[in-house]
Amino acid sequence: MAMLYLASGSPRRRELLAQIGVPHVTLVASIDETARPGESASTYVERLAREKALVGLATLDDPRDACVLGADTAVVLDGCILGKPADREDALATLARLSGREHEVLTAIALASAGRCESRVVASRVRFRPISPCEIDAYWSSGEPVDKAGSYAIQGLGAVFVSRVEGSYSAVVGLPLLETAEMLAEFGIPCWQHLG
């Protein structure tokens, strides 16, 4: 069985892989995450996930018995990608835009091994209840939005803003578990390994 590497520094993605019983080693795959002119959000997240997986694979001394999982998540509103906030004002403006509205969360996963790279994009829809300026300010003060796409974390304090999720909750967190498990199986890596 191939060794799985996770090309992500995200503790949430590590926790999600552990949740489905898949041992893995994390590695750093630094890439340029700038969107290309005219690039759709779906193309963007899939490209980044593939680049992370392939760059991660290239860092290994012997990639023959290895698979590298890359992932990327984007929050999309009115066709615009809402990335990590640049500063407090950016986060407050983003959360005000999301207030009382539905947005899309796209998470792409890619799995790379020697001579092969497969990828998928999972789309989910998230609706926020109306949020007051005081709540937005208090949420910023918690520190949680600082490094989060869309300036919120559905698995954290930001959960109180979410009135509905359509699609994959785990994909909104950062790793769609159903699709990840299916793709890992295609590469010969089973889930629930701790049960064997």
N, C-alpha and C. Protein backbone atom coordinates (compact mmCIF):
# COMPACT_ATOMS: atom_id res chain seq x y z
N MET A 1 0.84 -1.19 0.00
CA MET A 1 0.00 0.00 0.00
C MET A 1 0.88 1.25 0.00
N ALA A 2 0.50 2.22 -0.81
CA ALA A 2 1.27 3.46 -0.91
C ALA A 2 1.13 4.28 0.38
N MET A 3 2.19 5.01 0.70
CA MET A 3 2.16 5.94 1.82
C MET A 3 1.45 7.21 1.36
N LEU A 4 0.54 7.73 2.19
CA LEU A 4 -0.18 8.95 1.83
C LEU A 4 0.47 10.15 2.50
N TYR A 5 0.70 11.17 1.69
CA TYR A 5 1.21 12.46 2.17
C TYR A 5 0.12 13.50 1.94
N LEU A 6 -0.04 14.40 2.90
CA LEU A 6 -1.00 15.48 2.78
C LEU A 6 -0.23 16.77 2.55
N ALA A 7 -0.43 17.36 1.37
CA ALA A 7 0.28 18.60 1.03
C ALA A 7 -0.54 19.79 1.52
N SER A 8 -0.61 19.92 2.83
CA SER A 8 -1.41 20.99 3.43
C SER A 8 -0.96 21.22 4.87
N GLY A 9 -0.94 22.47 5.27
CA GLY A 9 -0.64 22.79 6.65
C GLY A 9 -1.90 22.92 7.49
N SER A 10 -3.05 22.65 6.89
CA SER A 10 -4.33 22.84 7.57
C SER A 10 -4.58 21.78 8.64
N PRO A 11 -4.72 22.19 9.89
CA PRO A 11 -5.04 21.20 10.92
C PRO A 11 -6.41 20.58 10.70
N ARG A 12 -7.33 21.31 10.05
CA ARG A 12 -8.65 20.75 9.79
C ARG A 12 -8.57 19.59 8.81
N ARG A 13 -7.75 19.71 7.79
CA ARG A 13 -7.63 18.61 6.83
C ARG A 13 -6.97 17.40 7.48
N ARG A 14 -6.00 17.64 8.35
CA ARG A 14 -5.37 16.52 9.08
C ARG A 14 -6.40 15.80 9.94
N GLU A 15 -7.23 16.58 10.64
CA GLU A 15 -8.26 15.99 11.50
C GLU A 15 -9.29 15.21 10.70
N LEU A 16 -9.67 15.72 9.53
CA LEU A 16 -10.65 15.03 8.71
C LEU A 16 -10.11 13.70 8.17
N LEU A 17 -8.84 13.68 7.75
CA LEU A 17 -8.25 12.41 7.31
C LEU A 17 -8.18 11.42 8.46
N ALA A 18 -7.80 11.91 9.63
CA ALA A 18 -7.74 11.03 10.81
C ALA A 18 -9.13 10.51 11.16
N GLN A 19 -10.15 11.33 10.96
CA GLN A 19 -11.52 10.94 11.27
C GLN A 19 -11.94 9.70 10.49
N ILE A 20 -11.48 9.58 9.24
CA ILE A 20 -11.86 8.41 8.43
C ILE A 20 -10.78 7.32 8.46
N GLY A 21 -9.86 7.44 9.41
CA GLY A 21 -8.90 6.36 9.65
C GLY A 21 -7.84 6.20 8.58
N VAL A 22 -7.35 7.31 8.04
CA VAL A 22 -6.31 7.24 7.01
C VAL A 22 -5.01 7.83 7.55
N PRO A 23 -4.02 6.97 7.85
CA PRO A 23 -2.71 7.48 8.30
C PRO A 23 -2.06 8.29 7.19
N HIS A 24 -1.36 9.34 7.57
CA HIS A 24 -0.72 10.19 6.57
C HIS A 24 0.40 10.98 7.23
N VAL A 25 1.24 11.52 6.37
CA VAL A 25 2.33 12.40 6.80
C VAL A 25 2.10 13.72 6.10
N THR A 26 2.24 14.83 6.81
CA THR A 26 2.07 16.13 6.17
C THR A 26 3.38 16.62 5.59
N LEU A 27 3.26 17.36 4.52
CA LEU A 27 4.43 18.00 3.92
C LEU A 27 4.04 19.36 3.40
N VAL A 28 5.02 20.21 3.19
CA VAL A 28 4.78 21.56 2.71
C VAL A 28 4.96 21.60 1.20
N ALA A 29 3.97 22.14 0.51
CA ALA A 29 4.05 22.31 -0.94
C ALA A 29 3.72 23.77 -1.24
N SER A 30 4.74 24.59 -1.28
CA SER A 30 4.53 26.02 -1.51
C SER A 30 4.30 26.31 -2.98
N ILE A 31 3.17 26.95 -3.26
CA ILE A 31 2.85 27.33 -4.64
C ILE A 31 2.33 28.77 -4.66
N ASP A 32 2.31 29.35 -5.84
CA ASP A 32 1.73 30.69 -6.02
C ASP A 32 0.21 30.51 -6.12
N GLU A 33 -0.52 31.12 -5.21
CA GLU A 33 -1.97 30.94 -5.17
C GLU A 33 -2.74 32.08 -5.83
N THR A 34 -2.05 32.84 -6.67
CA THR A 34 -2.69 33.95 -7.37
C THR A 34 -3.60 33.42 -8.48
N ALA A 35 -4.82 33.93 -8.51
CA ALA A 35 -5.74 33.53 -9.58
C ALA A 35 -5.27 34.12 -10.91
N ARG A 36 -5.45 33.36 -11.97
CA ARG A 36 -5.08 33.83 -13.31
C ARG A 36 -6.20 34.68 -13.90
N PRO A 37 -5.87 35.63 -14.77
CA PRO A 37 -6.91 36.47 -15.38
C PRO A 37 -7.97 35.62 -16.09
N GLY A 38 -9.23 35.87 -15.78
CA GLY A 38 -10.32 35.15 -16.44
C GLY A 38 -10.56 33.75 -15.94
N GLU A 39 -9.81 33.32 -14.94
CA GLU A 39 -9.93 31.94 -14.44
C GLU A 39 -11.18 31.81 -13.58
N SER A 40 -12.00 30.81 -13.85
CA SER A 40 -13.19 30.59 -13.03
C SER A 40 -12.77 30.07 -11.66
N ALA A 41 -13.67 30.23 -10.68
CA ALA A 41 -13.37 29.76 -9.32
C ALA A 41 -13.13 28.25 -9.30
N SER A 42 -13.92 27.52 -10.05
CA SER A 42 -13.78 26.06 -10.10
C SER A 42 -12.43 25.65 -10.69
N THR A 43 -12.06 26.28 -11.79
CA THR A 43 -10.76 26.00 -12.42
C THR A 43 -9.63 26.37 -11.48
N TYR A 44 -9.79 27.49 -10.79
CA TYR A 44 -8.77 27.98 -9.86
C TYR A 44 -8.51 26.98 -8.73
N VAL A 45 -9.56 26.53 -8.04
CA VAL A 45 -9.34 25.62 -6.90
C VAL A 45 -8.79 24.28 -7.37
N GLU A 46 -9.26 23.81 -8.53
CA GLU A 46 -8.75 22.53 -9.03
C GLU A 46 -7.28 22.64 -9.43
N ARG A 47 -6.92 23.76 -10.06
CA ARG A 47 -5.51 23.96 -10.43
C ARG A 47 -4.62 23.98 -9.19
N LEU A 48 -5.05 24.70 -8.15
CA LEU A 48 -4.23 24.78 -6.94
C LEU A 48 -4.10 23.43 -6.26
N ALA A 49 -5.19 22.68 -6.19
CA ALA A 49 -5.12 21.35 -5.57
C ALA A 49 -4.15 20.45 -6.33
N ARG A 50 -4.22 20.48 -7.66
CA ARG A 50 -3.32 19.66 -8.48
C ARG A 50 -1.86 20.10 -8.31
N GLU A 51 -1.65 21.42 -8.31
CA GLU A 51 -0.27 21.91 -8.14
C GLU A 51 0.30 21.52 -6.79
N LYS A 52 -0.51 21.62 -5.74
CA LYS A 52 -0.04 21.22 -4.40
C LYS A 52 0.34 19.75 -4.38
N ALA A 53 -0.51 18.90 -4.98
CA ALA A 53 -0.23 17.46 -5.00
C ALA A 53 1.04 17.16 -5.79
N LEU A 54 1.18 17.78 -6.96
CA LEU A 54 2.34 17.50 -7.82
C LEU A 54 3.64 18.07 -7.24
N VAL A 55 3.57 19.29 -6.68
CA VAL A 55 4.76 19.87 -6.04
C VAL A 55 5.16 19.03 -4.83
N GLY A 56 4.16 18.59 -4.06
CA GLY A 56 4.44 17.73 -2.92
C GLY A 56 5.11 16.44 -3.34
N LEU A 57 4.61 15.83 -4.42
CA LEU A 57 5.19 14.58 -4.92
C LEU A 57 6.64 14.81 -5.35
N ALA A 58 6.91 15.95 -5.95
CA ALA A 58 8.26 16.26 -6.43
C ALA A 58 9.26 16.46 -5.29
N THR A 59 8.77 16.75 -4.09
CA THR A 59 9.68 16.95 -2.95
C THR A 59 10.14 15.63 -2.33
N LEU A 60 9.48 14.54 -2.67
CA LEU A 60 9.82 13.25 -2.06
C LEU A 60 11.06 12.64 -2.69
N ASP A 61 11.90 12.03 -1.86
CA ASP A 61 13.11 11.37 -2.36
C ASP A 61 12.76 10.20 -3.27
N ASP A 62 11.75 9.42 -2.88
CA ASP A 62 11.35 8.26 -3.68
C ASP A 62 9.83 8.23 -3.78
N PRO A 63 9.27 8.79 -4.86
CA PRO A 63 7.82 8.89 -4.99
C PRO A 63 7.14 7.61 -5.49
N ARG A 64 7.91 6.52 -5.69
CA ARG A 64 7.33 5.33 -6.31
C ARG A 64 6.23 4.70 -5.48
N ASP A 65 6.35 4.68 -4.16
CA ASP A 65 5.33 4.08 -3.30
C ASP A 65 4.63 5.15 -2.47
N ALA A 66 4.33 6.26 -3.11
CA ALA A 66 3.71 7.38 -2.39
C ALA A 66 2.57 7.97 -3.20
N CYS A 67 1.60 8.51 -2.48
CA CYS A 67 0.53 9.33 -3.05
C CYS A 67 0.49 10.62 -2.26
N VAL A 68 0.27 11.71 -2.95
CA VAL A 68 0.18 13.01 -2.29
C VAL A 68 -1.20 13.60 -2.54
N LEU A 69 -1.87 14.00 -1.46
CA LEU A 69 -3.18 14.61 -1.53
C LEU A 69 -3.05 16.12 -1.39
N GLY A 70 -3.55 16.83 -2.39
CA GLY A 70 -3.60 18.29 -2.34
C GLY A 70 -5.06 18.72 -2.30
N ALA A 71 -5.33 19.85 -1.66
CA ALA A 71 -6.70 20.36 -1.59
C ALA A 71 -6.69 21.88 -1.54
N ASP A 72 -7.77 22.46 -2.02
CA ASP A 72 -7.91 23.90 -1.93
C ASP A 72 -9.39 24.24 -1.84
N THR A 73 -9.70 25.27 -1.06
CA THR A 73 -11.09 25.67 -0.85
C THR A 73 -11.25 27.16 -1.17
N ALA A 74 -12.34 27.48 -1.84
CA ALA A 74 -12.64 28.88 -2.14
C ALA A 74 -14.09 29.17 -1.78
N VAL A 75 -14.30 30.33 -1.19
CA VAL A 75 -15.64 30.84 -0.92
C VAL A 75 -15.98 31.80 -2.06
N VAL A 76 -17.13 31.60 -2.69
CA VAL A 76 -17.48 32.37 -3.88
C VAL A 76 -18.83 33.07 -3.67
N LEU A 77 -18.86 34.37 -3.91
CA LEU A 77 -20.08 35.15 -3.80
C LEU A 77 -20.17 36.06 -5.02
N ASP A 78 -21.29 35.99 -5.72
CA ASP A 78 -21.50 36.81 -6.92
C ASP A 78 -20.37 36.62 -7.93
N GLY A 79 -19.88 35.39 -8.03
CA GLY A 79 -18.82 35.08 -8.99
C GLY A 79 -17.43 35.49 -8.56
N CYS A 80 -17.29 36.10 -7.38
CA CYS A 80 -15.98 36.55 -6.89
C CYS A 80 -15.46 35.61 -5.82
N ILE A 81 -14.17 35.29 -5.89
CA ILE A 81 -13.54 34.46 -4.87
C ILE A 81 -13.22 35.34 -3.66
N LEU A 82 -13.72 34.92 -2.50
CA LEU A 82 -13.43 35.62 -1.26
C LEU A 82 -12.33 34.86 -0.52
N GLY A 83 -11.13 35.35 -0.63
CA GLY A 83 -9.99 34.66 -0.04
C GLY A 83 -9.84 34.96 1.44
N LYS A 84 -8.65 34.71 1.96
CA LYS A 84 -8.35 35.05 3.35
C LYS A 84 -8.30 36.57 3.46
N PRO A 85 -8.80 37.13 4.56
CA PRO A 85 -8.85 38.59 4.66
C PRO A 85 -7.46 39.22 4.75
N ALA A 86 -7.31 40.35 4.08
CA ALA A 86 -6.04 41.08 4.11
C ALA A 86 -5.84 41.76 5.46
N ASP A 87 -6.95 42.18 6.07
CA ASP A 87 -6.88 42.90 7.35
C ASP A 87 -8.28 42.93 7.97
N ARG A 88 -8.42 43.64 9.08
CA ARG A 88 -9.69 43.72 9.80
C ARG A 88 -10.80 44.28 8.91
N GLU A 89 -10.52 45.36 8.21
CA GLU A 89 -11.53 46.00 7.38
C GLU A 89 -12.01 45.06 6.27
N ASP A 90 -11.09 44.32 5.70
CA ASP A 90 -11.43 43.37 4.65
C ASP A 90 -12.35 42.28 5.21
N ALA A 91 -12.01 41.75 6.38
CA ALA A 91 -12.82 40.69 6.99
C ALA A 91 -14.21 41.20 7.32
N LEU A 92 -14.31 42.41 7.89
CA LEU A 92 -15.61 42.97 8.25
C LEU A 92 -16.46 43.19 7.02
N ALA A 93 -15.85 43.67 5.94
CA ALA A 93 -16.59 43.90 4.70
C ALA A 93 -17.06 42.57 4.10
N THR A 94 -16.21 41.54 4.15
CA THR A 94 -16.58 40.23 3.62
C THR A 94 -17.75 39.64 4.38
N LEU A 95 -17.68 39.67 5.70
CA LEU A 95 -18.76 39.11 6.52
C LEU A 95 -20.06 39.89 6.33
N ALA A 96 -19.96 41.19 6.14
CA ALA A 96 -21.16 41.99 5.87
C ALA A 96 -21.78 41.59 4.53
N ARG A 97 -20.95 41.27 3.55
CA ARG A 97 -21.45 40.83 2.24
C ARG A 97 -22.13 39.46 2.34
N LEU A 98 -21.60 38.58 3.21
CA LEU A 98 -22.16 37.24 3.36
C LEU A 98 -23.45 37.24 4.19
N SER A 99 -23.64 38.26 5.00
CA SER A 99 -24.77 38.35 5.92
C SER A 99 -26.11 38.23 5.19
N GLY A 100 -26.95 37.28 5.65
CA GLY A 100 -28.28 37.11 5.10
C GLY A 100 -28.35 36.55 3.70
N ARG A 101 -27.22 36.03 3.21
CA ARG A 101 -27.17 35.55 1.81
C ARG A 101 -26.62 34.14 1.72
N GLU A 102 -26.79 33.57 0.54
CA GLU A 102 -26.23 32.26 0.25
C GLU A 102 -24.96 32.43 -0.58
N HIS A 103 -23.95 31.63 -0.29
CA HIS A 103 -22.72 31.65 -1.09
C HIS A 103 -22.31 30.23 -1.41
N GLU A 104 -21.37 30.10 -2.30
CA GLU A 104 -20.89 28.79 -2.73
C GLU A 104 -19.51 28.54 -2.13
N VAL A 105 -19.28 27.31 -1.73
CA VAL A 105 -17.94 26.90 -1.29
C VAL A 105 -17.48 25.78 -2.22
N LEU A 106 -16.36 26.01 -2.87
CA LEU A 106 -15.77 25.02 -3.78
C LEU A 106 -14.53 24.45 -3.13
N THR A 107 -14.47 23.13 -3.02
CA THR A 107 -13.27 22.47 -2.53
C THR A 107 -12.81 21.47 -3.58
N ALA A 108 -11.57 21.62 -3.99
CA ALA A 108 -10.98 20.69 -4.94
C ALA A 108 -10.01 19.78 -4.20
N ILE A 109 -9.98 18.52 -4.62
CA ILE A 109 -9.00 17.57 -4.11
C ILE A 109 -8.25 16.98 -5.30
N ALA A 110 -6.98 16.70 -5.09
CA ALA A 110 -6.17 16.07 -6.13
C ALA A 110 -5.28 15.04 -5.47
N LEU A 111 -5.11 13.91 -6.13
CA LEU A 111 -4.25 12.85 -5.63
C LEU A 111 -3.23 12.52 -6.72
N ALA A 112 -1.96 12.63 -6.35
CA ALA A 112 -0.88 12.40 -7.32
C ALA A 112 0.01 11.26 -6.87
N SER A 113 0.35 10.41 -7.82
CA SER A 113 1.36 9.36 -7.60
C SER A 113 2.26 9.37 -8.82
N ALA A 114 3.25 8.54 -8.84
CA ALA A 114 4.18 8.51 -9.98
C ALA A 114 3.39 8.25 -11.27
N GLY A 115 3.38 9.21 -12.16
CA GLY A 115 2.73 9.05 -13.46
C GLY A 115 1.23 9.25 -13.49
N ARG A 116 0.63 9.70 -12.40
CA ARG A 116 -0.83 9.83 -12.37
C ARG A 116 -1.26 10.97 -11.45
N CYS A 117 -2.25 11.75 -11.89
CA CYS A 117 -2.83 12.79 -11.03
C CYS A 117 -4.31 12.91 -11.37
N GLU A 118 -5.16 12.68 -10.37
CA GLU A 118 -6.62 12.76 -10.54
C GLU A 118 -7.13 13.88 -9.64
N SER A 119 -8.21 14.53 -10.07
CA SER A 119 -8.76 15.62 -9.25
C SER A 119 -10.27 15.71 -9.40
N ARG A 120 -10.90 16.31 -8.40
CA ARG A 120 -12.34 16.54 -8.40
C ARG A 120 -12.63 17.87 -7.70
N VAL A 121 -13.74 18.47 -8.08
CA VAL A 121 -14.21 19.69 -7.41
C VAL A 121 -15.59 19.41 -6.82
N VAL A 122 -15.76 19.76 -5.56
CA VAL A 122 -17.04 19.56 -4.87
C VAL A 122 -17.62 20.93 -4.53
N ALA A 123 -18.86 21.16 -4.94
CA ALA A 123 -19.53 22.43 -4.69
C ALA A 123 -20.59 22.26 -3.61
N SER A 124 -20.59 23.17 -2.65
CA SER A 124 -21.60 23.19 -1.60
C SER A 124 -22.16 24.62 -1.51
N ARG A 125 -23.36 24.73 -0.96
CA ARG A 125 -23.97 26.05 -0.79
C ARG A 125 -24.21 26.28 0.70
N VAL A 126 -23.86 27.47 1.15
CA VAL A 126 -23.99 27.83 2.56
C VAL A 126 -24.79 29.12 2.66
N ARG A 127 -25.81 29.13 3.54
CA ARG A 127 -26.58 30.35 3.76
C ARG A 127 -26.29 30.88 5.15
N PHE A 128 -26.02 32.16 5.22
CA PHE A 128 -25.83 32.86 6.49
C PHE A 128 -27.14 33.54 6.90
N ARG A 129 -27.43 33.52 8.17
CA ARG A 129 -28.50 34.37 8.69
C ARG A 129 -27.99 35.82 8.68
N PRO A 130 -28.87 36.80 8.84
CA PRO A 130 -28.37 38.17 8.95
C PRO A 130 -27.47 38.33 10.18
N ILE A 131 -26.35 39.03 10.00
CA ILE A 131 -25.38 39.23 11.08
C ILE A 131 -25.28 40.73 11.36
N SER A 132 -25.33 41.10 12.62
CA SER A 132 -25.23 42.52 12.97
C SER A 132 -23.77 42.98 12.93
N PRO A 133 -23.55 44.27 12.73
CA PRO A 133 -22.17 44.80 12.76
C PRO A 133 -21.46 44.50 14.08
N CYS A 134 -22.20 44.50 15.19
CA CYS A 134 -21.59 44.19 16.49
C CYS A 134 -21.10 42.74 16.53
N GLU A 135 -21.90 41.82 15.98
CA GLU A 135 -21.50 40.41 15.93
C GLU A 135 -20.26 40.24 15.05
N ILE A 136 -20.26 40.92 13.91
CA ILE A 136 -19.12 40.83 13.00
C ILE A 136 -17.85 41.31 13.69
N ASP A 137 -17.95 42.42 14.39
CA ASP A 137 -16.80 42.97 15.09
C ASP A 137 -16.32 42.03 16.20
N ALA A 138 -17.27 41.46 16.95
CA ALA A 138 -16.91 40.53 18.02
C ALA A 138 -16.26 39.27 17.45
N TYR A 139 -16.78 38.82 16.31
CA TYR A 139 -16.21 37.62 15.68
C TYR A 139 -14.78 37.89 15.23
N TRP A 140 -14.54 39.06 14.64
CA TRP A 140 -13.17 39.41 14.26
C TRP A 140 -12.26 39.40 15.48
N SER A 141 -12.75 39.94 16.58
CA SER A 141 -11.94 40.03 17.81
C SER A 141 -11.58 38.66 18.37
N SER A 142 -12.35 37.63 17.99
CA SER A 142 -12.04 36.27 18.46
C SER A 142 -10.74 35.74 17.83
N GLY A 143 -10.35 36.34 16.69
CA GLY A 143 -9.14 35.89 15.98
C GLY A 143 -9.40 34.80 14.96
N GLU A 144 -10.57 34.19 14.99
CA GLU A 144 -10.84 33.06 14.09
C GLU A 144 -10.82 33.41 12.60
N PRO A 145 -11.35 34.56 12.19
CA PRO A 145 -11.42 34.84 10.75
C PRO A 145 -10.09 35.15 10.08
N VAL A 146 -9.05 35.40 10.84
CA VAL A 146 -7.79 35.93 10.31
C VAL A 146 -7.24 35.16 9.13
N ASP A 147 -7.23 33.83 9.19
CA ASP A 147 -6.60 33.03 8.13
C ASP A 147 -7.59 32.10 7.43
N LYS A 148 -8.86 32.53 7.39
CA LYS A 148 -9.90 31.66 6.81
C LYS A 148 -10.43 32.23 5.51
N ALA A 149 -10.59 31.37 4.51
CA ALA A 149 -11.24 31.77 3.26
C ALA A 149 -12.65 32.24 3.59
N GLY A 150 -13.03 33.40 3.05
CA GLY A 150 -14.35 33.94 3.33
C GLY A 150 -14.47 34.54 4.72
N SER A 151 -13.38 34.58 5.46
CA SER A 151 -13.32 35.19 6.80
C SER A 151 -14.16 34.47 7.85
N TYR A 152 -14.43 33.17 7.64
CA TYR A 152 -15.16 32.43 8.68
C TYR A 152 -14.77 30.96 8.67
N ALA A 153 -15.05 30.30 9.81
CA ALA A 153 -14.82 28.86 9.94
C ALA A 153 -16.12 28.21 10.37
N ILE A 154 -16.68 27.36 9.51
CA ILE A 154 -17.95 26.72 9.81
C ILE A 154 -17.82 25.73 10.97
N GLN A 155 -16.60 25.20 11.17
CA GLN A 155 -16.38 24.23 12.24
C GLN A 155 -16.03 24.90 13.56
N GLY A 156 -16.01 26.23 13.56
CA GLY A 156 -15.63 26.96 14.76
C GLY A 156 -16.73 27.89 15.22
N LEU A 157 -16.34 29.05 15.70
CA LEU A 157 -17.29 30.04 16.21
C LEU A 157 -18.24 30.54 15.13
N GLY A 158 -17.76 30.53 13.88
CA GLY A 158 -18.57 31.00 12.77
C GLY A 158 -19.80 30.15 12.49
N ALA A 159 -19.89 28.98 13.11
CA ALA A 159 -21.04 28.10 12.90
C ALA A 159 -22.36 28.77 13.27
N VAL A 160 -22.33 29.73 14.19
CA VAL A 160 -23.58 30.37 14.63
C VAL A 160 -24.20 31.25 13.54
N PHE A 161 -23.44 31.55 12.49
CA PHE A 161 -23.98 32.36 11.39
C PHE A 161 -24.68 31.51 10.34
N VAL A 162 -24.45 30.20 10.35
CA VAL A 162 -24.89 29.32 9.26
C VAL A 162 -26.30 28.81 9.50
N SER A 163 -27.23 29.19 8.62
CA SER A 163 -28.61 28.72 8.77
C SER A 163 -28.88 27.47 7.93
N ARG A 164 -28.07 27.24 6.89
CA ARG A 164 -28.30 26.06 6.05
C ARG A 164 -27.04 25.71 5.27
N VAL A 165 -26.82 24.40 5.08
CA VAL A 165 -25.75 23.91 4.22
C VAL A 165 -26.36 22.90 3.25
N GLU A 166 -26.11 23.08 1.97
CA GLU A 166 -26.52 22.12 0.95
C GLU A 166 -25.26 21.57 0.33
N GLY A 167 -25.06 20.26 0.45
CA GLY A 167 -23.86 19.65 -0.09
C GLY A 167 -23.05 19.01 1.01
N SER A 168 -21.75 19.08 0.89
CA SER A 168 -20.84 18.40 1.80
C SER A 168 -20.34 19.34 2.90
N TYR A 169 -20.74 19.05 4.14
CA TYR A 169 -20.25 19.84 5.27
C TYR A 169 -18.73 19.75 5.37
N SER A 170 -18.19 18.53 5.23
CA SER A 170 -16.73 18.37 5.37
C SER A 170 -15.98 19.11 4.27
N ALA A 171 -16.60 19.26 3.09
CA ALA A 171 -15.96 20.03 2.02
C ALA A 171 -15.88 21.50 2.41
N VAL A 172 -16.90 22.01 3.09
CA VAL A 172 -16.88 23.40 3.54
C VAL A 172 -15.77 23.59 4.57
N VAL A 173 -15.56 22.57 5.41
CA VAL A 173 -14.46 22.62 6.39
C VAL A 173 -13.11 22.59 5.66
N GLY A 174 -13.02 21.83 4.54
CA GLY A 174 -11.78 21.83 3.79
C GLY A 174 -11.41 20.53 3.09
N LEU A 175 -12.20 19.44 3.33
CA LEU A 175 -11.87 18.18 2.67
C LEU A 175 -13.16 17.35 2.53
N PRO A 176 -13.67 17.18 1.31
CA PRO A 176 -14.90 16.39 1.13
C PRO A 176 -14.63 14.91 1.36
N LEU A 177 -15.11 14.37 2.47
CA LEU A 177 -14.71 13.03 2.88
C LEU A 177 -15.22 11.93 1.96
N LEU A 178 -16.44 12.05 1.46
CA LEU A 178 -16.95 11.02 0.55
C LEU A 178 -16.06 10.92 -0.69
N GLU A 179 -15.83 12.05 -1.34
CA GLU A 179 -15.04 12.05 -2.57
C GLU A 179 -13.57 11.71 -2.30
N THR A 180 -13.04 12.14 -1.16
CA THR A 180 -11.66 11.80 -0.80
C THR A 180 -11.52 10.30 -0.62
N ALA A 181 -12.47 9.70 0.10
CA ALA A 181 -12.43 8.25 0.32
C ALA A 181 -12.52 7.49 -1.00
N GLU A 182 -13.39 7.95 -1.91
CA GLU A 182 -13.52 7.30 -3.21
C GLU A 182 -12.22 7.38 -4.00
N MET A 183 -11.61 8.55 -4.00
CA MET A 183 -10.37 8.73 -4.75
C MET A 183 -9.22 7.93 -4.14
N LEU A 184 -9.14 7.93 -2.82
CA LEU A 184 -8.10 7.14 -2.16
C LEU A 184 -8.25 5.66 -2.51
N ALA A 185 -9.49 5.17 -2.55
CA ALA A 185 -9.73 3.76 -2.91
C ALA A 185 -9.24 3.46 -4.32
N GLU A 186 -9.43 4.43 -5.23
CA GLU A 186 -8.95 4.25 -6.61
C GLU A 186 -7.42 4.11 -6.66
N PHE A 187 -6.74 4.71 -5.67
CA PHE A 187 -5.29 4.64 -5.60
C PHE A 187 -4.82 3.53 -4.64
N GLY A 188 -5.76 2.68 -4.20
CA GLY A 188 -5.40 1.55 -3.35
C GLY A 188 -5.16 1.89 -1.90
N ILE A 189 -5.69 3.03 -1.43
CA ILE A 189 -5.51 3.41 -0.03
C ILE A 189 -6.87 3.35 0.65
N PRO A 190 -7.06 2.37 1.56
CA PRO A 190 -8.37 2.22 2.22
C PRO A 190 -8.56 3.18 3.39
N CYS A 191 -9.81 3.41 3.71
CA CYS A 191 -10.16 4.14 4.93
C CYS A 191 -10.24 3.13 6.08
N TRP A 192 -10.45 3.63 7.27
CA TRP A 192 -10.66 2.81 8.46
C TRP A 192 -9.49 1.86 8.72
N GLN A 193 -8.27 2.32 8.42
CA GLN A 193 -7.12 1.41 8.56
C GLN A 193 -6.89 0.98 10.00
N HIS A 194 -7.28 1.82 10.95
CA HIS A 194 -7.07 1.47 12.36
C HIS A 194 -7.99 0.33 12.82
N LEU A 195 -9.04 0.01 11.99
CA LEU A 195 -9.96 -1.07 12.36
C LEU A 195 -9.43 -2.44 11.96
N GLY A 196 -8.45 -2.44 11.03
CA GLY A 196 -7.94 -3.71 10.52
C GLY A 196 -7.07 -4.39 11.51
